[in-house]
């Protein structure tokens, strides 16, 4: 079943007009004081109607207060150009943020995906986002998306960490803080997979890595994959899952056409021979 059940809103809070000329941080603090006075506990979700556009002054402080300080899921809406498409997009975001399911592959209805459906398989997507060119003071953001509730592959969760500026290799996949405690990303996703998949450990881990060049392939294997293996061994020394690492590269200039026609090839076409890399096992999709 798609979607998610949501209870009616507990209350509606409106900003005090006398505070609207105050600095953004003050406005956010005052709004939270008003919410805390009326709510019996921390809310699970806050829908915020911004006074101006999405990039208004209170957007950043409001998001930081909710996510970083309290861990509250929030969705902001701008009061301009509100139409059916805009509301649909907002609802899709809210549904995903609250753990709902926006879409599902047909093959998931009756699990029949080769290899993936036969044995517990964890799918990981990894990427690093960097600050603007020239901004060496802005940390890079590492993100890992992981599948959950096997044999489904449309259910997923995300983990985010900051790291050194312009550092492409993720250095928080395995992070020992003591001899008995790992606070890395992989431990977090492995435990979630285990609890959401009927207490099954993944026997296969398929990693999709985005944003690296061919010269960094070995670093992905020697730095990132090694951390993932260490995280698995730290949880269970005897556990030996199989790994597949797929690097996704979008910025290429290769284009394919149908034979004798200028039309594009059909969606889902895979080319895995003759025009591929002479040494690496790669393919075009």
Protein backbone atom coordinates (compact mmCIF):
# COMPACT_ATOMS: atom_id res chain seq x y z
CA UNK A 1 0.00 0.00 0.00
CA UNK A 2 1.36 3.38 -1.00
CA UNK A 3 1.24 6.48 1.17
CA UNK A 4 1.19 6.83 4.92
CA UNK A 5 -1.49 7.41 7.56
CA UNK A 6 -1.23 10.79 9.30
CA UNK A 7 -3.29 11.96 12.24
CA UNK A 8 -5.08 15.35 12.07
CA UNK A 9 -2.82 18.30 13.03
CA UNK A 10 -2.54 18.91 16.77
CA UNK A 11 -2.71 22.67 16.43
CA UNK A 12 -2.00 25.65 14.16
CA UNK A 13 0.57 28.22 15.27
CA UNK A 14 0.88 31.70 13.82
CA UNK A 15 3.82 34.02 14.29
CA UNK A 16 3.25 37.04 16.49
CA UNK A 17 3.07 40.08 14.14
CA UNK A 18 5.19 42.07 16.60
CA UNK A 19 8.12 39.68 16.11
CA UNK A 20 8.20 39.75 12.31
CA UNK A 21 10.70 42.61 12.16
CA UNK A 22 13.12 40.87 14.53
CA UNK A 23 16.28 39.05 13.29
CA UNK A 24 15.66 35.57 11.79
CA UNK A 25 17.20 33.69 14.74
CA UNK A 26 14.99 35.57 17.20
CA UNK A 27 11.89 34.86 15.12
CA UNK A 28 12.66 31.14 15.06
CA UNK A 29 13.32 31.03 18.82
CA UNK A 30 10.06 32.85 19.57
CA UNK A 31 8.14 30.48 17.30
CA UNK A 32 9.60 27.45 19.07
CA UNK A 33 8.75 28.91 22.46
CA UNK A 34 5.15 29.28 21.28
CA UNK A 35 5.08 25.67 20.01
CA UNK A 36 6.61 24.26 23.19
CA UNK A 37 4.05 26.05 25.36
CA UNK A 38 1.12 24.34 23.63
CA UNK A 39 2.44 20.91 22.65
CA UNK A 40 2.61 18.11 25.24
CA UNK A 41 5.89 16.84 23.76
CA UNK A 42 8.17 17.00 20.73
CA UNK A 43 6.18 16.91 17.45
CA UNK A 44 6.86 14.26 14.82
CA UNK A 45 6.34 16.67 11.95
CA UNK A 46 6.01 20.42 11.40
CA UNK A 47 4.55 21.98 8.26
CA UNK A 48 5.79 25.56 7.90
CA UNK A 49 4.19 28.20 5.67
CA UNK A 50 6.96 30.69 4.99
CA UNK A 51 6.16 34.42 4.95
CA UNK A 52 8.04 34.90 1.66
CA UNK A 53 9.84 32.71 -0.84
CA UNK A 54 11.63 29.51 0.13
CA UNK A 55 14.95 31.36 0.38
CA UNK A 56 13.62 33.88 2.90
CA UNK A 57 15.75 34.79 5.92
CA UNK A 58 14.09 32.39 8.37
CA UNK A 59 14.39 29.29 6.14
CA UNK A 60 17.97 28.36 7.14
CA UNK A 61 17.61 29.01 10.89
CA UNK A 62 14.22 27.23 10.94
CA UNK A 63 15.60 24.11 9.22
CA UNK A 64 18.67 24.04 11.47
CA UNK A 65 16.57 24.39 14.63
CA UNK A 66 14.27 21.55 13.60
CA UNK A 67 16.75 19.07 12.14
CA UNK A 68 20.03 19.73 13.96
CA UNK A 69 18.77 20.75 17.40
CA UNK A 70 15.59 18.68 17.80
CA UNK A 71 15.55 16.06 15.02
CA UNK A 72 12.05 17.11 13.93
CA UNK A 73 10.94 16.34 10.36
CA UNK A 74 9.75 19.50 8.66
CA UNK A 75 8.43 20.65 5.30
CA UNK A 76 8.39 24.29 4.22
CA UNK A 77 5.97 25.75 1.71
CA UNK A 78 6.09 29.10 -0.09
CA UNK A 79 2.85 31.09 -0.51
CA UNK A 80 3.39 31.77 -4.23
CA UNK A 81 2.34 29.76 -7.28
CA UNK A 82 0.41 27.21 -5.22
CA UNK A 83 -1.27 24.84 -7.66
CA UNK A 84 -2.06 21.13 -7.90
CA UNK A 85 1.44 20.23 -9.13
CA UNK A 86 3.11 22.19 -6.33
CA UNK A 87 0.91 20.59 -3.67
CA UNK A 88 1.50 17.12 -5.14
CA UNK A 89 5.27 17.60 -5.01
CA UNK A 90 5.05 18.77 -1.39
CA UNK A 91 2.94 15.77 -0.42
CA UNK A 92 5.41 13.39 -2.08
CA UNK A 93 8.24 14.96 -0.06
CA UNK A 94 6.25 14.76 3.18
CA UNK A 95 5.33 11.14 2.53
CA UNK A 96 8.96 10.15 1.90
CA UNK A 97 10.24 12.09 4.93
CA UNK A 98 7.75 10.33 7.21
CA UNK A 99 8.64 6.86 5.93
CA UNK A 100 5.90 6.47 3.34
CA UNK A 101 6.24 4.83 -0.06
CA UNK A 102 5.81 7.00 -3.16
CA UNK A 103 6.42 4.32 -5.79
CA UNK A 104 7.09 0.62 -6.11
CA UNK A 105 8.46 -1.50 -8.93
CA UNK A 106 6.05 -4.04 -10.39
CA UNK A 107 8.55 -6.86 -9.75
CA UNK A 108 8.39 -6.10 -6.02
CA UNK A 109 4.75 -7.20 -5.82
CA UNK A 110 5.93 -10.77 -6.42
CA UNK A 111 9.68 -10.65 -5.64
CA UNK A 112 11.42 -11.91 -8.76
CA UNK A 113 14.48 -9.70 -9.18
CA UNK A 114 17.42 -11.95 -10.17
CA UNK A 115 19.90 -12.46 -7.31
CA UNK A 116 18.45 -9.63 -5.20
CA UNK A 117 15.17 -11.39 -4.35
CA UNK A 118 16.72 -14.80 -3.64
CA UNK A 119 18.99 -13.87 -0.74
CA UNK A 120 18.93 -10.86 1.63
CA UNK A 121 20.52 -8.03 -0.31
CA UNK A 122 21.38 -4.52 0.84
CA UNK A 123 21.52 -1.75 -1.78
CA UNK A 124 23.64 1.33 -0.99
CA UNK A 125 23.87 4.62 -2.86
CA UNK A 126 26.79 6.90 -1.89
CA UNK A 127 27.80 10.41 -2.90
CA UNK A 128 29.58 13.49 -1.57
CA UNK A 129 28.44 17.07 -2.08
CA UNK A 130 30.99 19.91 -1.98
CA UNK A 131 30.72 23.63 -1.37
CA UNK A 132 31.01 26.27 -4.08
CA UNK A 133 34.38 26.62 -5.85
CA UNK A 134 36.74 28.73 -3.80
CA UNK A 135 34.90 28.10 -0.52
CA UNK A 136 37.44 26.02 1.40
CA UNK A 137 35.73 26.84 4.72
CA UNK A 138 32.54 24.93 3.82
CA UNK A 139 32.56 21.24 4.83
CA UNK A 140 31.68 18.55 2.31
CA UNK A 141 28.52 16.50 2.94
CA UNK A 142 28.66 12.71 2.63
CA UNK A 143 25.34 10.91 2.12
CA UNK A 144 24.48 7.20 2.03
CA UNK A 145 21.06 5.89 1.05
CA UNK A 146 20.28 2.28 1.99
CA UNK A 147 17.47 -0.14 1.21
CA UNK A 148 15.38 -1.66 3.99
CA UNK A 149 12.59 -4.20 4.49
CA UNK A 150 14.06 -6.78 2.11
CA UNK A 151 12.90 -8.15 -0.35
CA UNK A 152 11.58 -4.65 -1.12
CA UNK A 153 14.03 -2.26 -2.77
CA UNK A 154 11.79 0.83 -2.90
CA UNK A 155 12.00 1.30 0.86
CA UNK A 156 15.07 3.27 1.84
CA UNK A 157 16.62 5.51 4.47
CA UNK A 158 19.36 8.15 4.35
CA UNK A 159 22.39 8.91 6.55
CA UNK A 160 24.34 12.16 6.30
CA UNK A 161 27.70 13.24 7.77
CA UNK A 162 29.98 16.25 7.36
CA UNK A 163 33.64 15.81 6.51
CA UNK A 164 36.66 17.84 5.42
CA UNK A 165 36.17 20.43 2.68
CA UNK A 166 36.58 19.06 -0.87
CA UNK A 167 37.28 15.52 0.43
CA UNK A 168 35.70 13.10 -2.05
CA UNK A 169 36.28 9.79 -0.25
CA UNK A 170 33.77 9.21 2.57
CA UNK A 171 35.66 8.87 5.86
CA UNK A 172 32.75 8.18 8.23
CA UNK A 173 31.64 4.77 6.95
CA UNK A 174 33.47 3.08 9.84
CA UNK A 175 34.28 5.28 12.84
CA UNK A 176 35.60 3.76 16.03
CA UNK A 177 35.10 5.96 19.09
CA UNK A 178 36.21 3.21 21.51
CA UNK A 179 37.23 -0.44 21.44
CA UNK A 180 33.58 -1.46 21.61
CA UNK A 181 31.71 1.34 19.82
CA UNK A 182 31.43 2.19 16.13
CA UNK A 183 29.52 5.35 15.18
CA UNK A 184 30.00 5.04 11.43
CA UNK A 185 27.32 5.23 8.76
CA UNK A 186 27.51 1.56 7.77
CA UNK A 187 26.76 0.27 11.27
CA UNK A 188 23.65 2.46 11.29
CA UNK A 189 22.34 1.15 7.96
CA UNK A 190 23.22 -2.48 8.73
CA UNK A 191 21.31 -2.44 12.01
CA UNK A 192 18.33 -0.81 10.29
CA UNK A 193 18.36 -3.46 7.55
CA UNK A 194 18.57 -6.23 10.17
CA UNK A 195 15.65 -4.96 12.26
CA UNK A 196 13.44 -4.08 9.26
CA UNK A 197 14.09 -7.32 7.33
CA UNK A 198 13.00 -9.90 9.88
CA UNK A 199 16.38 -10.04 11.67
CA UNK A 200 18.24 -11.10 8.54
CA UNK A 201 21.78 -10.00 7.78
CA UNK A 202 22.47 -9.07 4.16
CA UNK A 203 24.34 -11.81 2.33
CA UNK A 204 24.98 -9.45 -0.57
CA UNK A 205 25.77 -5.73 -0.51
CA UNK A 206 25.51 -3.82 -3.80
CA UNK A 207 27.11 -0.36 -3.70
CA UNK A 208 26.30 2.38 -6.20
CA UNK A 209 28.95 5.12 -5.94
CA UNK A 210 28.39 8.43 -7.71
CA UNK A 211 30.70 11.38 -8.29
CA UNK A 212 34.11 9.75 -8.71
CA UNK A 213 36.39 9.79 -11.74
CA UNK A 214 38.25 6.82 -13.23
CA UNK A 215 41.44 7.89 -11.45
CA UNK A 216 39.64 7.46 -8.10
CA UNK A 217 38.30 3.93 -8.67
CA UNK A 218 41.09 2.33 -6.63
CA UNK A 219 40.48 4.77 -3.77
CA UNK A 220 36.84 3.68 -3.63
CA UNK A 221 38.00 0.07 -3.23
CA UNK A 222 40.93 0.73 -0.90
CA UNK A 223 39.34 3.38 1.32
CA UNK A 224 35.55 3.15 1.20
CA UNK A 225 35.05 -0.57 0.59
CA UNK A 226 37.65 -1.38 3.26
CA UNK A 227 35.66 0.69 5.77
CA UNK A 228 32.44 -1.13 4.86
CA UNK A 229 34.13 -4.52 5.33
CA UNK A 230 35.55 -3.37 8.68
CA UNK A 231 32.10 -2.24 9.83
CA UNK A 232 30.66 -5.67 8.94
CA UNK A 233 33.47 -7.51 10.75
CA UNK A 234 33.08 -5.27 13.80
CA UNK A 235 29.47 -6.40 14.13
CA UNK A 236 30.21 -10.07 13.48
CA UNK A 237 33.72 -11.41 12.93
CA UNK A 238 32.39 -14.52 11.13
CA UNK A 239 30.11 -12.61 8.77
CA UNK A 240 31.31 -12.56 5.14
CA UNK A 241 28.79 -10.90 2.80
CA UNK A 242 29.52 -10.58 -0.91
CA UNK A 243 30.16 -7.10 -2.33
CA UNK A 244 29.55 -5.51 -5.73
CA UNK A 245 30.70 -1.93 -6.36
CA UNK A 246 29.17 -0.04 -9.28
CA UNK A 247 30.44 3.46 -10.09
CA UNK A 248 27.80 5.58 -11.84
CA UNK A 249 29.20 8.16 -14.27
CA UNK A 250 26.82 10.56 -15.96
CA UNK A 251 29.15 13.15 -17.46
CA UNK A 252 30.16 11.38 -20.64
CA UNK A 253 29.60 12.27 -24.29
CA UNK A 254 28.58 8.85 -25.62
CA UNK A 255 25.27 8.75 -27.46
CA UNK A 256 23.46 5.75 -28.94
CA UNK A 257 20.92 5.54 -31.78
CA UNK A 258 18.72 2.81 -33.18
CA UNK A 259 20.11 1.04 -36.28
CA UNK A 260 19.34 3.03 -39.42
CA UNK A 261 17.45 5.68 -37.46
CA UNK A 262 18.26 8.98 -35.70
CA UNK A 263 15.91 8.03 -32.83
CA UNK A 264 17.20 7.35 -29.34
CA UNK A 265 17.42 3.77 -28.12
CA UNK A 266 14.45 2.57 -25.99
CA UNK A 267 14.56 3.24 -22.23
CA UNK A 268 16.28 0.43 -20.33
CA UNK A 269 18.71 -0.42 -23.14
CA UNK A 270 22.01 -1.87 -21.88
CA UNK A 271 25.22 -1.85 -23.96
CA UNK A 272 27.96 -3.97 -22.40
CA UNK A 273 30.34 -4.89 -25.26
CA UNK A 274 32.39 -3.60 -28.21
CA UNK A 275 32.31 0.12 -27.25
CA UNK A 276 32.99 -0.35 -23.51
CA UNK A 277 36.19 0.02 -21.49
CA UNK A 278 39.01 -2.31 -22.70
CA UNK A 279 39.88 -3.48 -19.14
CA UNK A 280 37.18 -2.51 -16.65
CA UNK A 281 33.85 -4.30 -16.61
CA UNK A 282 31.49 -1.47 -17.49
CA UNK A 283 28.25 -0.90 -19.36
CA UNK A 284 25.99 1.88 -20.63
CA UNK A 285 22.39 2.04 -19.51
